[in-house]
C-alpha atoms as a PDB file:
ATOM      1  CA  MET A   1     -38.592  43.332  46.307  1.00  0.00           C
ATOM      2  CA  ARG A   2     -40.727  40.544  44.430  1.00  0.00           C
ATOM      3  CA  LYS A   3     -40.148  42.227  41.116  1.00  0.00           C
ATOM      4  CA  ILE A   4     -36.404  42.370  41.543  1.00  0.00           C
ATOM      5  CA  LEU A   5     -36.123  38.786  42.760  1.00  0.00           C
ATOM      6  CA  GLY A   6     -38.271  37.575  39.793  1.00  0.00           C
ATOM      7  CA  LEU A   7     -36.228  39.501  37.321  1.00  0.00           C
ATOM      8  CA  LEU A   8     -33.159  38.062  38.801  1.00  0.00           C
ATOM      9  CA  ILE A   9     -34.443  34.713  38.421  1.00  0.00           C
ATOM     10  CA  THR A  10     -35.422  35.257  34.714  1.00  0.00           C
ATOM     11  CA  VAL A  11     -31.933  36.754  33.903  1.00  0.00           C
ATOM     12  CA  MET A  12     -30.247  33.511  35.414  1.00  0.00           C
ATOM     13  CA  LEU A  13     -32.660  31.077  33.380  1.00  0.00           C
ATOM     14  CA  ALA A  14     -31.774  33.117  30.485  1.00  0.00           C
ATOM     15  CA  SER A  15     -28.146  33.075  30.818  1.00  0.00           C
ATOM     16  CA  CYS A  16     -28.384  29.199  31.278  1.00  0.00           C
ATOM     17  CA  GLN A  17     -30.317  28.658  28.160  1.00  0.00           C
ATOM     18  CA  SER A  18     -27.718  30.488  26.311  1.00  0.00           C
ATOM     19  CA  ASP A  19     -24.662  28.762  27.634  1.00  0.00           C
ATOM     20  CA  PRO A  20     -23.790  26.212  24.994  1.00  0.00           C
ATOM     21  CA  THR A  21     -21.568  24.278  27.830  1.00  0.00           C
ATOM     22  CA  LEU A  22     -24.784  23.591  29.757  1.00  0.00           C
ATOM     23  CA  THR A  23     -26.683  21.962  26.807  1.00  0.00           C
ATOM     24  CA  PRO A  24     -24.352  19.651  24.591  1.00  0.00           C
ATOM     25  CA  ALA A  25     -25.262  19.423  21.086  1.00  0.00           C
ATOM     26  CA  LYS A  26     -27.157  16.296  20.107  1.00  0.00           C
ATOM     27  CA  PHE A  27     -26.287  15.002  16.546  1.00  0.00           C
ATOM     28  CA  LYS A  28     -26.279  11.598  14.799  1.00  0.00           C
ATOM     29  CA  THR A  29     -23.197  10.297  13.097  1.00  0.00           C
ATOM     30  CA  ILE A  30     -22.176   7.670  10.472  1.00  0.00           C
ATOM     31  CA  LEU A  31     -18.856   6.315  10.348  1.00  0.00           C
ATOM     32  CA  ILE A  32     -17.825   4.456   7.095  1.00  0.00           C
ATOM     33  CA  LYS A  33     -14.827   2.421   6.049  1.00  0.00           C
ATOM     34  CA  SER A  34     -14.389   2.426   2.298  1.00  0.00           C
ATOM     35  CA  VAL A  35     -11.676   0.838  -0.107  1.00  0.00           C
ATOM     36  CA  GLY A  36     -11.189   2.451  -3.208  1.00  0.00           C
ATOM     37  CA  GLU A  37      -9.315   0.261  -6.107  1.00  0.00           C
ATOM     38  CA  VAL A  38      -7.582   1.163  -9.459  1.00  0.00           C
ATOM     39  CA  GLU A  39      -6.529  -1.261 -11.615  1.00  0.00           C
ATOM     40  CA  THR A  40      -4.134  -1.024 -14.466  1.00  0.00           C
ATOM     41  CA  LEU A  41      -1.657  -2.679 -16.686  1.00  0.00           C
ATOM     42  CA  PRO A  42       2.000  -2.345 -15.395  1.00  0.00           C
ATOM     43  CA  ASP A  43       4.634  -0.421 -17.373  1.00  0.00           C
ATOM     44  CA  VAL A  44       7.564  -1.466 -15.200  1.00  0.00           C
ATOM     45  CA  ALA A  45       9.228  -5.043 -14.719  1.00  0.00           C
ATOM     46  CA  THR A  46      11.762  -5.961 -11.725  1.00  0.00           C
ATOM     47  CA  PHE A  47      13.983  -9.284 -11.713  1.00  0.00           C
ATOM     48  CA  HIS A  48      16.906 -10.404 -10.098  1.00  0.00           C
ATOM     49  CA  ILE A  49      20.073 -12.465 -11.826  1.00  0.00           C
ATOM     50  CA  ASN A  50      22.145 -14.654  -9.903  1.00  0.00           C
ATOM     51  CA  LEU A  51      25.638 -15.205 -11.434  1.00  0.00           C
ATOM     52  CA  ASN A  52      28.184 -17.947 -10.114  1.00  0.00           C
ATOM     53  CA  CYS A  53      31.397 -18.858 -11.141  1.00  0.00           C
ATOM     54  CA  LEU A  54      32.890 -22.143  -9.596  1.00  0.00           C
ATOM     55  CA  GLN A  55      36.693 -22.265  -9.741  1.00  0.00           C
ATOM     56  CA  LYS A  56      39.599 -24.254  -8.025  1.00  0.00           C
ATOM     57  CA  SER A  57      41.331 -21.650  -6.402  1.00  0.00           C
ATOM     58  CA  VAL A  58      40.173 -18.442  -4.670  1.00  0.00           C
ATOM     59  CA  LYS A  59      41.957 -15.879  -6.869  1.00  0.00           C
ATOM     60  CA  ALA A  60      40.295 -17.674 -10.049  1.00  0.00           C
ATOM     61  CA  SER A  61      36.961 -17.780  -8.700  1.00  0.00           C
ATOM     62  CA  LYS A  62      37.177 -13.984  -8.046  1.00  0.00           C
ATOM     63  CA  GLN A  63      38.574 -13.118 -11.410  1.00  0.00           C
ATOM     64  CA  CYS A  64      36.029 -15.084 -13.030  1.00  0.00           C
ATOM     65  CA  LEU A  65      33.069 -13.364 -11.208  1.00  0.00           C
ATOM     66  CA  VAL A  66      34.666 -10.163 -12.030  1.00  0.00           C
ATOM     67  CA  GLU A  67      34.829 -10.756 -15.518  1.00  0.00           C
ATOM     68  CA  LYS A  68      31.407 -12.243 -16.014  1.00  0.00           C
ATOM     69  CA  SER A  69      30.094  -9.424 -13.846  1.00  0.00           C
ATOM     70  CA  ASN A  70      31.391  -7.071 -16.300  1.00  0.00           C
ATOM     71  CA  GLU A  71      30.275  -8.611 -19.366  1.00  0.00           C
ATOM     72  CA  LEU A  72      26.766  -8.863 -17.796  1.00  0.00           C
ATOM     73  CA  ASN A  73      26.872  -4.808 -16.912  1.00  0.00           C
ATOM     74  CA  SER A  74      27.552  -4.370 -20.527  1.00  0.00           C
ATOM     75  CA  LYS A  75      24.976  -6.688 -21.891  1.00  0.00           C
ATOM     76  CA  LEU A  76      22.184  -5.049 -19.757  1.00  0.00           C
ATOM     77  CA  LEU A  77      23.346  -1.525 -20.877  1.00  0.00           C
ATOM     78  CA  ALA A  78      23.154  -2.760 -24.568  1.00  0.00           C
ATOM     79  CA  LEU A  79      19.849  -3.805 -23.833  1.00  0.00           C
ATOM     80  CA  GLY A  80      18.640  -0.071 -22.944  1.00  0.00           C
ATOM     81  CA  ILE A  81      18.859  -0.692 -19.064  1.00  0.00           C
ATOM     82  CA  LYS A  82      19.937   2.500 -17.319  1.00  0.00           C
ATOM     83  CA  GLN A  83      22.979   2.015 -15.011  1.00  0.00           C
ATOM     84  CA  ASP A  84      20.837   3.339 -12.074  1.00  0.00           C
ATOM     85  CA  ASP A  85      18.421   0.362 -12.758  1.00  0.00           C
ATOM     86  CA  ILE A  86      21.416  -2.053 -12.473  1.00  0.00           C
ATOM     87  CA  LEU A  87      21.858  -3.105  -8.500  1.00  0.00           C
ATOM     88  CA  THR A  88      24.395  -5.438  -7.240  1.00  0.00           C
ATOM     89  CA  THR A  89      22.669  -6.634  -3.790  1.00  0.00           C
ATOM     90  CA  SER A  90      25.052  -9.097  -2.794  1.00  0.00           C
ATOM     91  CA  VAL A  91      28.440 -10.919  -3.548  1.00  0.00           C
ATOM     92  CA  ASN A  92      29.368 -14.228  -1.788  1.00  0.00           C
ATOM     93  CA  MET A  93      32.185 -16.733  -1.818  1.00  0.00           C
ATOM     94  CA  ASN A  94      31.965 -20.370  -0.376  1.00  0.00           C
ATOM     95  CA  LYS A  95      33.605 -23.536  -0.909  1.00  0.00           C
ATOM     96  CA  SER A  96      31.819 -26.043  -2.865  1.00  0.00           C
ATOM     97  CA  TYR A  97      31.500 -29.680  -2.182  1.00  0.00           C
ATOM     98  CA  THR A  98      30.025 -32.640  -3.994  1.00  0.00           C
ATOM     99  CA  TRP A  99      29.154 -36.310  -2.675  1.00  0.00           C
ATOM    100  CA  ARG A 100      31.054 -39.172  -4.621  1.00  0.00           C
ATOM    101  CA  ASN A 101      31.311 -42.755  -3.777  1.00  0.00           C
ATOM    102  CA  ASN A 102      29.835 -42.100  -0.326  1.00  0.00           C
ATOM    103  CA  ALA A 103      32.554 -39.096   0.548  1.00  0.00           C
ATOM    104  CA  GLN A 104      32.376 -35.766   0.480  1.00  0.00           C
ATOM    105  CA  VAL A 105      34.629 -34.254  -2.390  1.00  0.00           C
ATOM    106  CA  PHE A 106      35.906 -30.608  -2.757  1.00  0.00           C
ATOM    107  CA  GLU A 107      34.968 -29.066  -5.911  1.00  0.00           C
ATOM    108  CA  GLY A 108      36.331 -25.495  -5.406  1.00  0.00           C
ATOM    109  CA  TYR A 109      35.456 -22.056  -4.653  1.00  0.00           C
ATOM    110  CA  ASN A 110      32.103 -20.739  -5.717  1.00  0.00           C
ATOM    111  CA  SER A 111      31.745 -17.071  -5.928  1.00  0.00           C
ATOM    112  CA  SER A 112      28.179 -15.496  -6.583  1.00  0.00           C
ATOM    113  CA  THR A 113      26.772 -12.011  -7.022  1.00  0.00           C
ATOM    114  CA  THR A 114      23.134 -11.245  -7.108  1.00  0.00           C
ATOM    115  CA  ILE A 115      21.995  -8.231  -9.137  1.00  0.00           C
ATOM    116  CA  HIS A 116      18.571  -6.280  -8.969  1.00  0.00           C
ATOM    117  CA  VAL A 117      17.499  -5.286 -12.428  1.00  0.00           C
ATOM    118  CA  THR A 118      14.617  -2.642 -13.167  1.00  0.00           C
ATOM    119  CA  LEU A 119      13.257  -2.604 -16.574  1.00  0.00           C
ATOM    120  CA  ARG A 120      11.144   0.573 -17.449  1.00  0.00           C
ATOM    121  CA  GLU A 121      10.615  -0.534 -21.057  1.00  0.00           C
ATOM    122  CA  ILE A 122       8.594  -3.349 -20.554  1.00  0.00           C
ATOM    123  CA  GLY A 123       8.040  -4.223 -23.909  1.00  0.00           C
ATOM    124  CA  LYS A 124      11.485  -5.453 -23.897  1.00  0.00           C
ATOM    125  CA  LEU A 125      10.827  -8.054 -21.298  1.00  0.00           C
ATOM    126  CA  ASP A 126      10.752 -11.024 -23.643  1.00  0.00           C
ATOM    127  CA  GLN A 127      13.865  -9.992 -25.540  1.00  0.00           C
ATOM    128  CA  VAL A 128      15.846  -9.452 -22.298  1.00  0.00           C
ATOM    129  CA  TYR A 129      14.774 -12.589 -20.691  1.00  0.00           C
ATOM    130  CA  THR A 130      15.643 -14.656 -23.779  1.00  0.00           C
ATOM    131  CA  GLU A 131      19.060 -13.008 -24.081  1.00  0.00           C
ATOM    132  CA  LEU A 132      20.015 -13.393 -20.773  1.00  0.00           C
ATOM    133  CA  LEU A 133      18.909 -16.955 -20.587  1.00  0.00           C
ATOM    134  CA  GLU A 134      21.574 -18.008 -23.209  1.00  0.00           C
ATOM    135  CA  ASN A 135      24.279 -17.266 -20.406  1.00  0.00           C
ATOM    136  CA  ARG A 136      24.848 -20.570 -18.701  1.00  0.00           C
ATOM    137  CA  ASN A 137      26.637 -19.039 -15.548  1.00  0.00           C
ATOM    138  CA  LEU A 138      23.282 -17.168 -14.393  1.00  0.00           C
ATOM    139  CA  ASP A 139      19.873 -17.756 -13.311  1.00  0.00           C
ATOM    140  CA  LEU A 140      17.078 -15.408 -13.509  1.00  0.00           C
ATOM    141  CA  GLY A 141      14.051 -14.895 -11.235  1.00  0.00           C
ATOM    142  CA  GLY A 142      11.733 -12.900  -9.114  1.00  0.00           C
ATOM    143  CA  LEU A 143      10.113 -11.550 -11.856  1.00  0.00           C
ATOM    144  CA  ALA A 144       7.386  -8.867 -10.801  1.00  0.00           C
ATOM    145  CA  TYR A 145       5.414  -6.196 -12.191  1.00  0.00           C
ATOM    146  CA  ALA A 146       4.710  -2.491 -11.078  1.00  0.00           C
ATOM    147  CA  HIS A 147       3.572   0.862 -12.262  1.00  0.00           C
ATOM    148  CA  SER A 148       5.787   4.003 -12.410  1.00  0.00           C
ATOM    149  CA  LYS A 149       3.125   6.608 -11.052  1.00  0.00           C
ATOM    150  CA  ILE A 150       1.788   4.586  -8.283  1.00  0.00           C
ATOM    151  CA  ASP A 151       1.491   7.975  -6.136  1.00  0.00           C
ATOM    152  CA  SER A 152      -1.126   9.186  -8.843  1.00  0.00           C
ATOM    153  CA  LEU A 153      -2.946   5.615  -8.802  1.00  0.00           C
ATOM    154  CA  LYS A 154      -3.122   6.023  -5.172  1.00  0.00           C
ATOM    155  CA  ASN A 155      -4.671   9.370  -5.442  1.00  0.00           C
ATOM    156  CA  GLU A 156      -7.140   7.789  -7.735  1.00  0.00           C
ATOM    157  CA  ALA A 157      -8.021   4.886  -5.426  1.00  0.00           C
ATOM    158  CA  TYR A 158      -8.613   7.652  -2.676  1.00  0.00           C
ATOM    159  CA  VAL A 159     -11.197   9.505  -4.727  1.00  0.00           C
ATOM    160  CA  ASP A 160     -12.752   5.927  -5.610  1.00  0.00           C
ATOM    161  CA  ALA A 161     -12.958   5.236  -1.867  1.00  0.00           C
ATOM    162  CA  LEU A 162     -14.520   8.523  -1.075  1.00  0.00           C
ATOM    163  CA  GLN A 163     -17.181   7.998  -3.861  1.00  0.00           C
ATOM    164  CA  LYS A 164     -17.941   4.722  -2.779  1.00  0.00           C
ATOM    165  CA  ALA A 165     -18.451   5.981   0.943  1.00  0.00           C
ATOM    166  CA  ASN A 166     -21.029   8.733  -0.375  1.00  0.00           C
ATOM    167  CA  THR A 167     -22.908   6.340  -2.330  1.00  0.00           C
ATOM    168  CA  LEU A 168     -23.137   3.967   0.723  1.00  0.00           C
ATOM    169  CA  ALA A 169     -24.062   6.993   3.010  1.00  0.00           C
ATOM    170  CA  ASP A 170     -27.074   7.822   0.682  1.00  0.00           C
ATOM    171  CA  LYS A 171     -28.061   4.305   0.832  1.00  0.00           C
ATOM    172  CA  LEU A 172     -28.254   4.502   4.443  1.00  0.00           C
ATOM    173  CA  LEU A 173     -30.030   7.509   4.733  1.00  0.00           C
ATOM    174  CA  GLY A 174     -32.734   5.988   2.745  1.00  0.00           C
ATOM    175  CA  GLU A 175     -32.950   3.529   5.788  1.00  0.00           C
ATOM    176  CA  LEU A 176     -32.864   6.132   8.324  1.00  0.00           C
ATOM    177  CA  PRO A 177     -34.868   8.791   9.529  1.00  0.00           C
ATOM    178  CA  ALA A 178     -32.863  11.303   8.310  1.00  0.00           C
ATOM    179  CA  SER A 179     -32.587  13.040   5.041  1.00  0.00           C
ATOM    180  CA  GLU A 180     -29.322  15.245   4.581  1.00  0.00           C
ATOM    181  CA  LYS A 181     -25.495  14.310   5.462  1.00  0.00           C
ATOM    182  CA  GLU A 182     -22.436  16.494   5.923  1.00  0.00           C
ATOM    183  CA  ILE A 183     -18.969  15.148   6.382  1.00  0.00           C
ATOM    184  CA  LEU A 184     -17.375  15.778   9.355  1.00  0.00           C
ATOM    185  CA  LYS A 185     -13.913  13.805   9.209  1.00  0.00           C
ATOM    186  CA  VAL A 186     -11.776  12.243   6.476  1.00  0.00           C
ATOM    187  CA  GLY A 187      -8.590  10.098   7.333  1.00  0.00           C
ATOM    188  CA  ASN A 188      -6.776   7.138   5.725  1.00  0.00           C
ATOM    189  CA  VAL A 189      -6.324   5.891   9.275  1.00  0.00           C
ATOM    190  CA  GLU A 190      -9.154   4.811  11.594  1.00  0.00           C
ATOM    191  CA  ILE A 191     -10.790   7.696  13.034  1.00  0.00           C
ATOM    192  CA  SER A 192     -12.904   8.138  16.291  1.00  0.00           C
ATOM    193  CA  ALA A 193     -16.533   8.859  15.914  1.00  0.00           C
ATOM    194  CA  SER A 194     -17.428  12.677  16.971  1.00  0.00           C
ATOM    195  CA  ILE A 195     -20.074  11.810  19.436  1.00  0.00           C
ATOM    196  CA  PRO A 196     -20.639  13.957  22.085  1.00  0.00           C
ATOM    197  CA  GLU A 197     -19.970  13.139  25.753  1.00  0.00           C
ATOM    198  CA  SER A 198     -23.788  12.778  26.472  1.00  0.00           C
ATOM    199  CA  ASN A 199     -24.427  10.755  23.581  1.00  0.00           C
ATOM    200  CA  GLN A 200     -21.730   8.142  24.267  1.00  0.00           C
ATOM    201  CA  SER A 201     -24.388   5.420  24.092  1.00  0.00           C
ATOM    202  CA  ARG A 202     -25.252   3.773  20.764  1.00  0.00           C
ATOM    203  CA  ALA A 203     -28.893   3.883  21.988  1.00  0.00           C
ATOM    204  CA  VAL A 204     -29.722   7.476  21.229  1.00  0.00           C
ATOM    205  CA  ASP A 205     -32.757   7.347  19.160  1.00  0.00           C
ATOM    206  CA  GLY A 206     -31.950   3.777  18.137  1.00  0.00           C
ATOM    207  CA  TYR A 207     -28.528   4.971  16.353  1.00  0.00           C
ATOM    208  CA  ALA A 208     -25.766   7.137  17.335  1.00  0.00           C
ATOM    209  CA  VAL A 209     -23.067   5.654  14.855  1.00  0.00           C
ATOM    210  CA  ALA A 210     -23.241   3.198  12.017  1.00  0.00           C
ATOM    211  CA  GLU A 211     -20.533   1.436  10.702  1.00  0.00           C
ATOM    212  CA  ALA A 212     -19.948  -0.138   7.347  1.00  0.00           C
ATOM    213  CA  ALA A 213     -17.151  -1.684   5.315  1.00  0.00           C
ATOM    214  CA  VAL A 214     -17.213  -1.142   1.546  1.00  0.00           C
ATOM    215  CA  ALA A 215     -14.784  -3.972   1.419  1.00  0.00           C
ATOM    216  CA  ALA A 216     -13.610  -6.993   3.586  1.00  0.00           C
ATOM    217  CA  GLN A 217      -9.853  -5.921   3.677  1.00  0.00           C
ATOM    218  CA  ASN A 218      -7.128  -3.229   2.875  1.00  0.00           C
ATOM    219  CA  ARG A 219      -4.707  -4.732   0.554  1.00  0.00           C
ATOM    220  CA  SER A 220      -1.449  -3.172  -0.570  1.00  0.00           C
ATOM    221  CA  ILE A 221      -0.254  -2.934  -3.986  1.00  0.00           C
ATOM    222  CA  ALA A 222      -0.953  -6.642  -5.807  1.00  0.00           C
ATOM    223  CA  ILE A 223      -0.363  -8.391  -8.980  1.00  0.00           C
ATOM    224  CA  SER A 224      -3.274 -10.029 -10.423  1.00  0.00           C
ATOM    225  CA  LYS A 225      -3.627 -11.423 -14.087  1.00  0.00           C
ATOM    226  CA  GLY A 226      -1.216  -9.167 -15.433  1.00  0.00           C
ATOM    227  CA  THR A 227      -2.429  -6.109 -13.977  1.00  0.00           C
ATOM    228  CA  VAL A 228      -1.658  -3.872 -11.048  1.00  0.00           C
ATOM    229  CA  LEU A 229      -3.985  -3.595  -8.495  1.00  0.00           C
ATOM    230  CA  VAL A 230      -3.730  -0.401  -6.100  1.00  0.00           C
ATOM    231  CA  THR A 231      -6.018   0.264  -3.148  1.00  0.00           C
ATOM    232  CA  ALA A 232      -6.453   2.871  -0.613  1.00  0.00           C
ATOM    233  CA  THR A 233      -8.596   2.977   2.428  1.00  0.00           C
ATOM    234  CA  LEU A 234     -10.652   5.843   3.965  1.00  0.00           C
ATOM    235  CA  PHE A 235     -12.525   6.479   7.152  1.00  0.00           C
ATOM    236  CA  VAL A 236     -15.317   8.977   6.538  1.00  0.00           C
ATOM    237  CA  GLU A 237     -17.692  10.344   9.082  1.00  0.00           C
ATOM    238  CA  TYR A 238     -20.984  11.834   8.516  1.00  0.00           C
ATOM    239  CA  GLN A 239     -23.385  14.026  10.507  1.00  0.00           C
ATOM    240  CA  ILE A 240     -26.920  13.233   9.398  1.00  0.00           C
ATOM    241  CA  LYS A 241     -30.026  15.315  10.048  1.00  0.00           C
END
């Protein structure tokens, strides 16, 4: 009887030891936020044109705006800008007044339109601006630069972010009692650390999670000194051994 009881106890102990749910894994992780950057010269320029017509009657003002708009559209097409890159964003008409001798005097009806232009041959920018500025009825503004392959540049920025994260993880390993790392998660939005419930405290062996920011902030596409800057943020979690 004692031999049978002892055998049962041994079997129960062996089953407990082999049950992974009773012995949660204890591992250490590093969670790194990394920002990759790619800087290149722009190949696309955008700007808007404000076209105005001031006439004494509503009909004359409308007719003037139609004629000037058609002339402007033909001019843009002649400069090599495609019709799809010429977008009318607003059309307005208002009464116009001026002050004379301390009195408000009616000038006429001012009709206006705003046209957004995308110039895909950026080398023509000087020529286009020079020729458009000769038109007294319009004003130019909102000049901005971009790149036609933003998605590809964004992918390159993600690769740069991952490389920076790996470099930082290697440096951190040199300061920790660990020598190996393995990527657990990668995300372009903030991720939570993969810490077992029994290890939620940061006091496990002095470090459960180490966080480091490779860059201070996640910036969107910006223009600086004639270049297009594309950034991408990655959150990378490593298991370290």
